[in-house]
Amino acid sequence: MAKKSFECTVVTPTAALVSGQVVYANVPAWDGQMGFQPGRAPILARLGKGDVRLDFADTSKGQGGTATYHVEGGFLQMADDKLVILAEKASAKD
């Protein structure tokens, strides 16, 4: 059976913004938008400037939802169903 979510973490050099299970992530890479779902092949990429959209998985604590963060520069790594977004600057959007 295919896995339905993966771990996603968004951090800056000074703070951890989010860590949780997501079903989809849309991230601004240096050369265009990238989408991530469970089971994606490993990748290391340079971040661009733009919005990260995270669609959170439903948990025993409640229904998932969507959150958006603005990032500027940095790197991302997807490996073993774990997405780590290390941004130079990041902030939650309203």
C-alpha atoms as a PDB file:
ATOM      1  CA  MET A   1       0.000   0.000   0.000  1.00  0.00           C
ATOM      2  CA  ALA A   2       1.353   3.423  -0.939  1.00  0.00           C
ATOM      3  CA  LYS A   3       2.187   5.877   1.795  1.00  0.00           C
ATOM      4  CA  LYS A   4      -0.219   8.820   1.932  1.00  0.00           C
ATOM      5  CA  SER A   5       1.941  11.479   3.602  1.00  0.00           C
ATOM      6  CA  PHE A   6       5.539  12.460   4.267  1.00  0.00           C
ATOM      7  CA  GLU A   7       7.438  14.483   6.869  1.00  0.00           C
ATOM      8  CA  CYS A   8       8.092  18.143   6.013  1.00  0.00           C
ATOM      9  CA  THR A   9      10.220  20.615   7.959  1.00  0.00           C
ATOM     10  CA  VAL A  10      10.739  24.312   7.217  1.00  0.00           C
ATOM     11  CA  VAL A  11      13.642  25.953   9.056  1.00  0.00           C
ATOM     12  CA  THR A  12      15.776  29.076   8.901  1.00  0.00           C
ATOM     13  CA  PRO A  13      19.152  29.650  10.549  1.00  0.00           C
ATOM     14  CA  THR A  14      17.332  31.147  13.554  1.00  0.00           C
ATOM     15  CA  ALA A  15      13.981  29.336  13.819  1.00  0.00           C
ATOM     16  CA  ALA A  16      11.956  26.229  13.013  1.00  0.00           C
ATOM     17  CA  LEU A  17       8.697  27.288  11.372  1.00  0.00           C
ATOM     18  CA  VAL A  18       6.915  23.984  10.865  1.00  0.00           C
ATOM     19  CA  SER A  19       7.352  20.247  11.147  1.00  0.00           C
ATOM     20  CA  GLY A  20       4.598  17.799  10.325  1.00  0.00           C
ATOM     21  CA  GLN A  21       3.039  15.273   7.984  1.00  0.00           C
ATOM     22  CA  VAL A  22       1.955  16.663   4.615  1.00  0.00           C
ATOM     23  CA  VAL A  23       0.284  15.078   1.596  1.00  0.00           C
ATOM     24  CA  TYR A  24       1.592  17.673  -0.890  1.00  0.00           C
ATOM     25  CA  ALA A  25       4.134  20.486  -0.961  1.00  0.00           C
ATOM     26  CA  ASN A  26       4.651  23.111  -3.661  1.00  0.00           C
ATOM     27  CA  VAL A  27       8.040  24.834  -3.395  1.00  0.00           C
ATOM     28  CA  PRO A  28       9.710  27.624  -5.420  1.00  0.00           C
ATOM     29  CA  ALA A  29      12.990  26.194  -6.675  1.00  0.00           C
ATOM     30  CA  TRP A  30      15.631  28.412  -8.258  1.00  0.00           C
ATOM     31  CA  ASP A  31      14.454  27.491 -11.752  1.00  0.00           C
ATOM     32  CA  GLY A  32      10.691  27.048 -11.210  1.00  0.00           C
ATOM     33  CA  GLN A  33       7.986  25.563  -8.991  1.00  0.00           C
ATOM     34  CA  MET A  34       8.398  21.962  -7.783  1.00  0.00           C
ATOM     35  CA  GLY A  35       5.679  19.700  -6.436  1.00  0.00           C
ATOM     36  CA  PHE A  36       6.283  16.945  -3.885  1.00  0.00           C
ATOM     37  CA  GLN A  37       4.149  13.928  -2.997  1.00  0.00           C
ATOM     38  CA  PRO A  38       4.914  10.765  -1.017  1.00  0.00           C
ATOM     39  CA  GLY A  39       7.343   8.420  -2.750  1.00  0.00           C
ATOM     40  CA  ARG A  40       9.145  11.103  -4.736  1.00  0.00           C
ATOM     41  CA  ALA A  41      12.668  10.347  -5.877  1.00  0.00           C
ATOM     42  CA  PRO A  42      15.477  11.966  -3.856  1.00  0.00           C
ATOM     43  CA  ILE A  43      16.528  15.465  -4.896  1.00  0.00           C
ATOM     44  CA  LEU A  44      18.649  18.357  -3.663  1.00  0.00           C
ATOM     45  CA  ALA A  45      17.737  21.765  -5.085  1.00  0.00           C
ATOM     46  CA  ARG A  46      18.387  25.456  -4.588  1.00  0.00           C
ATOM     47  CA  LEU A  47      15.425  27.509  -3.360  1.00  0.00           C
ATOM     48  CA  GLY A  48      14.186  30.565  -5.150  1.00  0.00           C
ATOM     49  CA  LYS A  49      11.999  33.374  -3.843  1.00  0.00           C
ATOM     50  CA  GLY A  50       8.273  32.766  -3.463  1.00  0.00           C
ATOM     51  CA  ASP A  51       5.558  30.911  -1.595  1.00  0.00           C
ATOM     52  CA  VAL A  52       5.687  27.377  -0.204  1.00  0.00           C
ATOM     53  CA  ARG A  53       2.267  25.717   0.025  1.00  0.00           C
ATOM     54  CA  LEU A  54       1.908  22.789   2.396  1.00  0.00           C
ATOM     55  CA  ASP A  55      -1.201  20.577   2.439  1.00  0.00           C
ATOM     56  CA  PHE A  56      -1.216  18.863   5.837  1.00  0.00           C
ATOM     57  CA  ALA A  57      -2.445  15.318   6.367  1.00  0.00           C
ATOM     58  CA  ASP A  58      -5.429  14.465   8.544  1.00  0.00           C
ATOM     59  CA  THR A  59      -4.325  13.160  11.954  1.00  0.00           C
ATOM     60  CA  SER A  60      -5.933  11.811  15.092  1.00  0.00           C
ATOM     61  CA  LYS A  61      -5.753  15.398  16.403  1.00  0.00           C
ATOM     62  CA  GLY A  62      -7.950  16.744  13.623  1.00  0.00           C
ATOM     63  CA  GLN A  63      -8.356  17.515   9.978  1.00  0.00           C
ATOM     64  CA  GLY A  64      -5.397  18.704   7.958  1.00  0.00           C
ATOM     65  CA  GLY A  65      -5.318  22.048   6.224  1.00  0.00           C
ATOM     66  CA  THR A  66      -3.182  24.257   4.050  1.00  0.00           C
ATOM     67  CA  ALA A  67      -0.478  26.682   5.161  1.00  0.00           C
ATOM     68  CA  THR A  68       1.600  29.084   3.104  1.00  0.00           C
ATOM     69  CA  TYR A  69       5.083  30.392   3.892  1.00  0.00           C
ATOM     70  CA  HIS A  70       7.146  32.958   2.009  1.00  0.00           C
ATOM     71  CA  VAL A  71      10.774  31.895   1.498  1.00  0.00           C
ATOM     72  CA  GLU A  72      13.831  33.592   0.053  1.00  0.00           C
ATOM     73  CA  GLY A  73      16.916  31.589  -0.864  1.00  0.00           C
ATOM     74  CA  GLY A  74      18.334  28.450   0.653  1.00  0.00           C
ATOM     75  CA  PHE A  75      18.105  24.772  -0.229  1.00  0.00           C
ATOM     76  CA  LEU A  76      15.710  21.832  -0.081  1.00  0.00           C
ATOM     77  CA  GLN A  77      16.285  18.112   0.187  1.00  0.00           C
ATOM     78  CA  MET A  78      13.823  15.300  -0.386  1.00  0.00           C
ATOM     79  CA  ALA A  79      14.994  11.822   0.647  1.00  0.00           C
ATOM     80  CA  ASP A  80      13.299   8.818   2.260  1.00  0.00           C
ATOM     81  CA  ASP A  81       9.902  10.585   2.341  1.00  0.00           C
ATOM     82  CA  LYS A  82      11.333  13.546   4.285  1.00  0.00           C
ATOM     83  CA  LEU A  83      11.358  17.050   2.822  1.00  0.00           C
ATOM     84  CA  VAL A  84      13.629  19.558   4.540  1.00  0.00           C
ATOM     85  CA  ILE A  85      13.402  23.188   3.443  1.00  0.00           C
ATOM     86  CA  LEU A  86      16.322  25.243   4.779  1.00  0.00           C
ATOM     87  CA  ALA A  87      15.540  28.839   3.866  1.00  0.00           C
ATOM     88  CA  GLU A  88      17.725  31.912   4.329  1.00  0.00           C
ATOM     89  CA  LYS A  89      14.517  33.826   5.160  1.00  0.00           C
ATOM     90  CA  ALA A  90      11.033  32.468   5.789  1.00  0.00           C
ATOM     91  CA  SER A  91       7.800  33.715   7.294  1.00  0.00           C
ATOM     92  CA  ALA A  92       4.226  32.484   7.614  1.00  0.00           C
ATOM     93  CA  LYS A  93       1.678  34.168   5.364  1.00  0.00           C
ATOM     94  CA  ASP A  94      -1.792  35.156   6.509  1.00  0.00           C
END
